Structure formats: structure tokens, C-alpha cells
Protein backbone atom coordinates (compact mmCIF):
# COMPACT_ATOMS: atom_id res chain seq x y z
CA UNK A 1 -63.60 -68.64 52.70
CA UNK A 2 -62.40 -65.22 53.73
CA UNK A 3 -63.95 -63.80 56.90
CA UNK A 4 -66.69 -61.29 56.34
CA UNK A 5 -65.77 -57.64 56.90
CA UNK A 6 -61.99 -57.97 56.19
CA UNK A 7 -60.52 -55.70 53.55
CA UNK A 8 -58.81 -57.33 50.63
CA UNK A 9 -55.09 -56.38 50.29
CA UNK A 10 -54.06 -54.25 47.39
CA UNK A 11 -51.81 -55.77 44.82
CA UNK A 12 -48.49 -53.88 44.85
CA UNK A 13 -47.54 -54.90 41.37
CA UNK A 14 -48.23 -52.24 38.76
CA UNK A 15 -50.88 -52.61 36.05
CA UNK A 16 -49.81 -53.69 32.51
CA UNK A 17 -50.12 -50.26 30.96
CA UNK A 18 -48.32 -48.54 33.80
CA UNK A 19 -45.54 -51.02 33.57
CA UNK A 20 -45.28 -50.32 29.72
CA UNK A 21 -45.22 -46.62 30.26
CA UNK A 22 -42.46 -46.83 32.91
CA UNK A 23 -40.43 -49.02 30.56
CA UNK A 24 -40.92 -46.56 27.72
CA UNK A 25 -39.81 -43.70 29.85
CA UNK A 26 -36.49 -45.47 30.56
CA UNK A 27 -35.46 -45.15 27.05
CA UNK A 28 -33.15 -42.28 26.33
CA UNK A 29 -34.56 -40.99 23.10
CA UNK A 30 -37.98 -40.65 24.70
CA UNK A 31 -36.53 -38.65 27.65
CA UNK A 32 -34.63 -36.37 25.03
CA UNK A 33 -37.86 -35.87 23.10
CA UNK A 34 -39.90 -34.95 26.00
CA UNK A 35 -37.32 -32.62 27.60
CA UNK A 36 -35.78 -30.88 24.44
CA UNK A 37 -37.74 -31.78 21.33
CA UNK A 38 -41.31 -31.12 22.46
CA UNK A 39 -40.61 -27.79 24.27
CA UNK A 40 -38.50 -26.50 21.32
CA UNK A 41 -41.23 -27.36 18.94
CA UNK A 42 -43.79 -25.54 20.97
CA UNK A 43 -41.52 -22.46 21.19
CA UNK A 44 -40.98 -22.61 17.44
CA UNK A 45 -44.63 -22.98 16.85
CA UNK A 46 -45.34 -20.04 19.01
CA UNK A 47 -42.81 -17.86 17.31
CA UNK A 48 -44.00 -18.88 13.90
CA UNK A 49 -47.57 -17.92 14.77
CA UNK A 50 -46.33 -14.53 16.17
CA UNK A 51 -44.19 -13.94 13.01
CA UNK A 52 -47.24 -14.53 10.81
CA UNK A 53 -48.69 -11.45 12.40
CA UNK A 54 -47.46 -8.29 10.41
CA UNK A 55 -48.11 -5.98 13.56
CA UNK A 56 -45.86 -8.13 15.70
CA UNK A 57 -43.18 -8.25 12.97
CA UNK A 58 -43.17 -4.45 12.70
CA UNK A 59 -43.01 -4.02 16.48
CA UNK A 60 -40.13 -6.43 16.76
CA UNK A 61 -38.18 -4.74 13.97
CA UNK A 62 -38.78 -1.35 15.56
CA UNK A 63 -37.48 -2.52 18.83
CA UNK A 64 -34.46 -4.10 17.33
CA UNK A 65 -33.67 -0.88 15.32
CA UNK A 66 -34.25 1.28 18.46
CA UNK A 67 -31.90 -0.84 20.48
CA UNK A 68 -29.27 -0.75 17.74
CA UNK A 69 -29.53 3.10 17.53
CA UNK A 70 -29.24 3.47 21.30
CA UNK A 71 -26.05 1.44 21.23
CA UNK A 72 -24.50 2.87 18.07
CA UNK A 73 -25.00 6.51 19.04
CA UNK A 74 -23.56 6.34 22.42
CA UNK A 75 -21.01 9.30 22.84
CA UNK A 76 -18.21 6.93 23.77
CA UNK A 77 -18.66 4.98 20.51
CA UNK A 78 -18.22 8.04 18.32
CA UNK A 79 -15.25 8.87 15.96
CA UNK A 80 -14.66 12.54 16.66
CA UNK A 81 -11.39 13.20 14.86
CA UNK A 82 -9.17 11.66 12.17
CA UNK A 83 -5.37 11.42 12.73
CA UNK A 84 -3.24 10.80 9.65
CA UNK A 85 0.50 9.84 9.82
CA UNK A 86 3.34 8.90 7.49
CA UNK A 87 2.46 11.57 4.88
CA UNK A 88 5.62 12.92 3.04
CA UNK A 89 4.66 13.70 -0.63
CA UNK A 90 0.90 12.88 -0.60
CA UNK A 91 -1.45 15.98 0.23
CA UNK A 92 -3.35 15.35 3.43
CA UNK A 93 -6.46 16.93 1.85
CA UNK A 94 -6.37 14.13 -0.74
CA UNK A 95 -6.48 11.39 1.96
CA UNK A 96 -9.26 13.16 3.66
CA UNK A 97 -11.20 13.28 0.44
CA UNK A 98 -10.81 9.46 -0.01
CA UNK A 99 -12.12 9.05 3.48
CA UNK A 100 -15.49 10.97 3.48
CA UNK A 101 -16.63 10.92 7.06
CA UNK A 102 -18.99 13.39 8.62
CA UNK A 103 -17.81 13.77 12.16
CA UNK A 104 -18.87 12.71 14.64
CA UNK A 105 -19.32 9.27 13.08
CA UNK A 106 -20.49 5.98 14.66
CA UNK A 107 -17.39 3.77 15.12
CA UNK A 108 -19.56 0.44 15.07
CA UNK A 109 -20.83 1.13 11.61
CA UNK A 110 -17.45 2.10 10.05
CA UNK A 111 -16.18 -0.44 7.38
CA UNK A 112 -12.43 -0.18 8.21
CA UNK A 113 -11.41 -2.73 5.44
CA UNK A 114 -13.33 -0.62 2.76
CA UNK A 115 -11.61 2.55 3.87
CA UNK A 116 -8.10 0.86 3.75
CA UNK A 117 -8.87 -0.56 0.19
CA UNK A 118 -10.01 2.95 -0.82
CA UNK A 119 -6.71 4.48 0.41
CA UNK A 120 -4.50 1.66 -1.04
CA UNK A 121 -6.06 2.49 -4.47
CA UNK A 122 -4.33 5.70 -4.57
CA UNK A 123 -1.22 5.49 -6.87
CA UNK A 124 1.01 6.95 -4.36
CA UNK A 125 0.15 4.54 -1.45
CA UNK A 126 2.05 1.33 -0.80
CA UNK A 127 -0.14 0.22 2.09
CA UNK A 128 -2.42 1.90 4.66
CA UNK A 129 -3.52 0.91 8.11
CA UNK A 130 -6.86 2.10 9.54
CA UNK A 131 -7.79 1.68 13.27
CA UNK A 132 -10.63 3.10 15.42
CA UNK A 133 -9.12 4.01 18.69
CA UNK A 134 -10.80 3.89 22.07
CA UNK A 135 -10.53 7.65 22.55
CA UNK A 136 -12.60 8.36 19.43
CA UNK A 137 -9.82 8.78 16.88
CA UNK A 138 -9.75 7.22 13.52
CA UNK A 139 -5.95 6.56 13.08
CA UNK A 140 -4.67 6.41 9.51
CA UNK A 141 -1.14 5.41 8.82
CA UNK A 142 0.04 5.70 5.29
CA UNK A 143 3.27 4.06 3.68
CA UNK A 144 3.86 6.04 0.61
CA UNK A 145 5.67 5.28 -2.71
CA UNK A 146 8.66 7.75 -2.77
CA UNK A 147 9.37 9.23 -6.23
CA UNK A 148 12.93 8.81 -7.39
CA UNK A 149 12.72 10.46 -10.88
CA UNK A 150 10.44 11.95 -13.34
CA UNK A 151 9.61 9.89 -16.53
CA UNK A 152 8.82 11.80 -19.66
CA UNK A 153 6.99 9.67 -22.10
CA UNK A 154 4.61 10.67 -24.93
CA UNK A 155 4.73 14.25 -24.00
CA UNK A 156 3.57 13.47 -20.29
CA UNK A 157 5.58 13.82 -17.07
CA UNK A 158 5.01 11.14 -14.41
CA UNK A 159 6.58 10.85 -11.02
CA UNK A 160 7.84 7.11 -10.58
CA UNK A 161 9.17 5.22 -7.58
CA UNK A 162 12.33 2.96 -7.64
CA UNK A 163 10.16 -0.04 -9.01
CA UNK A 164 8.97 2.13 -11.95
CA UNK A 165 5.48 2.35 -10.66
CA UNK A 166 3.70 5.78 -11.23
CA UNK A 167 3.22 7.87 -8.23
CA UNK A 168 1.53 10.89 -9.67
CA UNK A 169 1.14 13.12 -12.77
CA UNK A 170 3.32 16.17 -13.03
CA UNK A 171 2.26 19.25 -14.82
CA UNK A 172 5.71 20.86 -15.38
CA UNK A 173 9.31 19.83 -14.91
CA UNK A 174 9.70 23.09 -12.90
CA UNK A 175 7.48 21.61 -10.15
CA UNK A 176 9.99 19.05 -9.18
CA UNK A 177 13.49 20.31 -9.97
CA UNK A 178 15.10 18.15 -7.17
CA UNK A 179 14.33 14.94 -9.13
CA UNK A 180 16.15 13.70 -12.17
CA UNK A 181 14.41 13.19 -15.46
CA UNK A 182 14.32 9.90 -17.38
CA UNK A 183 13.84 10.05 -21.19
CA UNK A 184 14.66 7.71 -24.10
CA UNK A 185 13.30 4.49 -25.78
CA UNK A 186 12.61 1.86 -23.07
CA UNK A 187 13.34 4.17 -20.13
CA UNK A 188 10.12 3.14 -18.50
CA UNK A 189 11.06 -0.49 -18.59
CA UNK A 190 14.39 0.07 -17.01
CA UNK A 191 13.53 2.11 -14.03
CA UNK A 192 15.07 -0.18 -11.28
CA UNK A 193 18.40 -0.11 -13.11
CA UNK A 194 18.12 3.62 -13.39
CA UNK A 195 17.28 3.91 -9.54
CA UNK A 196 20.39 1.90 -8.93
CA UNK A 197 22.56 4.26 -11.01
CA UNK A 198 21.00 7.37 -9.47
CA UNK A 199 21.59 5.86 -5.92
CA UNK A 200 25.44 5.46 -6.67
CA UNK A 201 25.83 9.13 -7.96
CA UNK A 202 27.31 9.91 -4.52
CA UNK A 203 29.03 13.31 -4.56
CA UNK A 204 27.67 13.97 -8.12
CA UNK A 205 24.07 13.95 -6.98
CA UNK A 206 23.67 17.65 -6.80
CA UNK A 207 24.93 18.02 -10.30
CA UNK A 208 22.67 15.17 -11.84
CA UNK A 209 19.97 16.28 -14.18
CA UNK A 210 18.81 13.03 -15.58
CA UNK A 211 19.26 9.74 -17.42
CA UNK A 212 18.87 9.28 -21.14
CA UNK A 213 18.14 5.61 -22.46
CA UNK A 214 19.81 4.96 -25.65
CA UNK A 215 18.78 2.15 -27.94
CA UNK A 216 16.71 0.51 -25.13
CA UNK A 217 20.13 -0.80 -23.97
CA UNK A 218 22.12 1.49 -21.98
CA UNK A 219 22.15 4.81 -20.21
CA UNK A 220 23.83 8.25 -20.41
CA UNK A 221 24.06 10.03 -17.14
CA UNK A 222 23.50 13.80 -17.80
CA UNK A 223 25.11 16.39 -15.42
CA UNK A 224 24.97 20.12 -15.43
CA UNK A 225 27.17 22.29 -17.62
CA UNK A 226 26.19 19.86 -20.47
CA UNK A 227 28.45 17.02 -19.24
CA UNK A 228 27.58 13.29 -19.91
CA UNK A 229 28.85 10.09 -18.52
CA UNK A 230 28.29 7.35 -21.33
CA UNK A 231 27.66 4.17 -19.31
CA UNK A 232 28.08 0.70 -20.72
CA UNK A 233 25.17 -1.91 -21.16
CA UNK A 234 26.61 -4.22 -18.69
CA UNK A 235 27.53 -3.11 -15.05
CA UNK A 236 26.74 0.54 -15.39
CA UNK A 237 26.87 1.06 -11.61
CA UNK A 238 30.55 -0.22 -11.40
CA UNK A 239 31.49 2.05 -14.47
CA UNK A 240 29.92 4.98 -12.65
CA UNK A 241 31.77 4.22 -9.49
CA UNK A 242 35.07 4.19 -11.64
CA UNK A 243 34.26 7.71 -12.97
CA UNK A 244 33.70 9.06 -9.39
CA UNK A 245 37.00 7.58 -8.38
CA UNK A 246 38.86 9.19 -11.23
CA UNK A 247 37.07 12.57 -10.42
CA UNK A 248 38.11 12.25 -6.74
CA UNK A 249 41.63 11.64 -7.73
CA UNK A 250 42.01 14.07 -10.79
CA UNK A 251 38.86 16.28 -10.65
CA UNK A 252 38.05 15.41 -14.21
CA UNK A 253 34.54 16.59 -14.07
CA UNK A 254 35.63 20.14 -12.94
CA UNK A 255 37.44 20.47 -16.16
CA UNK A 256 36.32 21.51 -19.71
CA UNK A 257 35.14 18.00 -20.47
CA UNK A 258 31.89 17.25 -22.48
CA UNK A 259 31.86 13.40 -22.29
CA UNK A 260 33.26 10.57 -20.23
CA UNK A 261 32.85 7.61 -22.40
CA UNK A 262 32.73 4.39 -20.27
CA UNK A 263 31.25 2.08 -22.80
CA UNK A 264 34.49 0.18 -22.80
CA UNK A 265 35.24 0.42 -18.91
CA UNK A 266 38.84 -0.72 -19.17
CA UNK A 267 39.72 2.26 -21.33
CA UNK A 268 37.81 5.47 -20.46
CA UNK A 269 37.73 8.16 -23.12
CA UNK A 270 37.45 11.86 -22.31
CA UNK A 271 35.86 14.20 -25.02
CA UNK A 272 36.91 17.79 -24.55
CA UNK A 273 34.87 20.73 -25.57
CA UNK A 274 35.83 22.88 -28.69
CA UNK A 275 37.31 25.63 -26.54
CA UNK A 276 39.47 23.02 -24.65
CA UNK A 277 40.51 21.36 -27.74
CA UNK A 278 41.61 24.60 -29.33
CA UNK A 279 43.50 25.55 -26.23
CA UNK A 280 45.20 22.05 -26.10
CA UNK A 281 46.24 22.53 -29.80
CA UNK A 282 47.45 25.98 -29.09
CA UNK A 283 49.71 24.84 -26.24
CA UNK A 284 50.98 21.85 -28.30
CA UNK A 285 51.96 24.14 -30.96
CA UNK A 286 53.81 26.43 -28.66
CA UNK A 287 55.55 23.55 -27.31
CA UNK A 288 56.60 22.42 -30.82
CA UNK A 289 57.71 25.99 -31.79
CA UNK A 290 59.68 26.11 -28.62
CA UNK A 291 61.53 22.81 -29.28
CA UNK A 292 62.33 23.97 -32.96
CA UNK A 293 63.97 27.17 -31.78
């Protein structure tokens, strides 16, 4: 028997329930749940209860809007001027009309892609670049379609580029006397070829008045003084260069000639004016009379 008055020694072994709890907490998914899932669920529950209160929602929205306005309206984040570059034919007023900004305008709220698409929607614009600069400048760089001719069709005049794309409407031929006129059946479908012909006119460029499409097959190059160069259906640029070489050697286009027919490039045909033909006949008669005497 144990001695009276002696304390019993405490058993160091854990109880059954404590042992089971300790083993349970050693599982990874339990620790994850207690450290992450439970706190997150409590936070979400708290937020859900707050969001259910209309007053809390209104206050939160008001705070967010006030913070946003405070950032957006900062002076260093304002667009204060618009700078446009690359304009040659397009009026600057039209570009500013397409980009209707009331300055100063918040840079953070600008939809630059939308502005770019609006600019590229203009017929005269190939591409546009829109950037908000750090100094408060909205920089717009325009690449224009450059008109190479005036196309007359169905009683209307249209400025067109070298690909045949319309650049702008034209009220009168007198508004652009520097550009040649394209007329005739199928002229609008053969603008790239017409552009190559016009680019090859070289020294004749100041005298070019236009191109006439005939039978939707070939071109006549019209010069001043009523002169025409009848180009072939095939290789018109090479035929035109042949005429330019003849003119350089013989100055044929400075003479009283109406047409230079290059429809058969190997055998160019010159058509004289009525006055030149009469003079040529008179000279020949004089030569014949002189030989007879």
C-alpha cells in the first residue's frame, strides 16, 4: 500500500481526445482550412452583411467616385493642347472636328483607340497614331492618301489616290488644276495603271491634262494644245517612254502634230493638224513644180 500523504504522480501521457486533436491538426488540409479558409469565409460573410446595407453601399460608391475624381482631375494628368502632324491635303479643322475634345480634358478617361478609329474612318486618311504625352499634349500623326488624279464619273468629280481609292469630293475642276483628269469607260477600275502612266510622263508632266480610257481597254494621254498620245493596250508605259525618247531626239511634240499613235509600238504614226498638212502639200507641190521646170 502506498504511504499515506504521498502525492500520486501525474501521468504524462495525453488523454485520448487530446491525442486525437493533435493528430487531426497534423493534417495539411486541416491547417489550410483553419489558416486560410475560415478567415476568408469570415471576411466574406462580413462584407456580404455590409453590402446588404444600402447606406453602406452608397457610402462605398461615393468614396470610390471621390477617389477616382481626385486622381483624374489632377493638373498633371490633363490634356491641355492638341498637336497634329503629317497633314498635307487634309484641313486641320476637319481633324479637330473628328476629335471633339473640350480642353483641358482628363488623359486617363480618353479612349485613344476610339479616337484613332474615328480618324482612320476619314476617306483621306491611310492611318493615324494618337498618343497622350507626359507634357499634357495629345499628339496626332496622320498618314494621308495623296491624290494623283481627278476621276470624273456620272457627272461627279472625285480625288483619287494611286490605288483608285477616293480621297474627297471635288466641286469644280478649277479647284485642282494641278491634277490630271481621268475619264472614260472603266477609268475607275484602271487607276493603278493610270498612276504608272502619269508617273512616267517625266518632262511632259507640266503639259499633261488627263487620261481618257477607251473601250475599257487602253488609254489616250491628253496634252495641252489638243495633242494626244494613243497608247497601246499592252505595255503603255514602255510606249510612252518611246514617245518621250522621240521627243527628246526630234522634238516631235513641239511641232504641229495632233496625235502620236503608239497602238502599234514598232511603227509610231504621227497625225498632222490640217494646217500642217496643207503646208506639207504646198511644199511638196513646190518641189514637184521646181523639178519639172
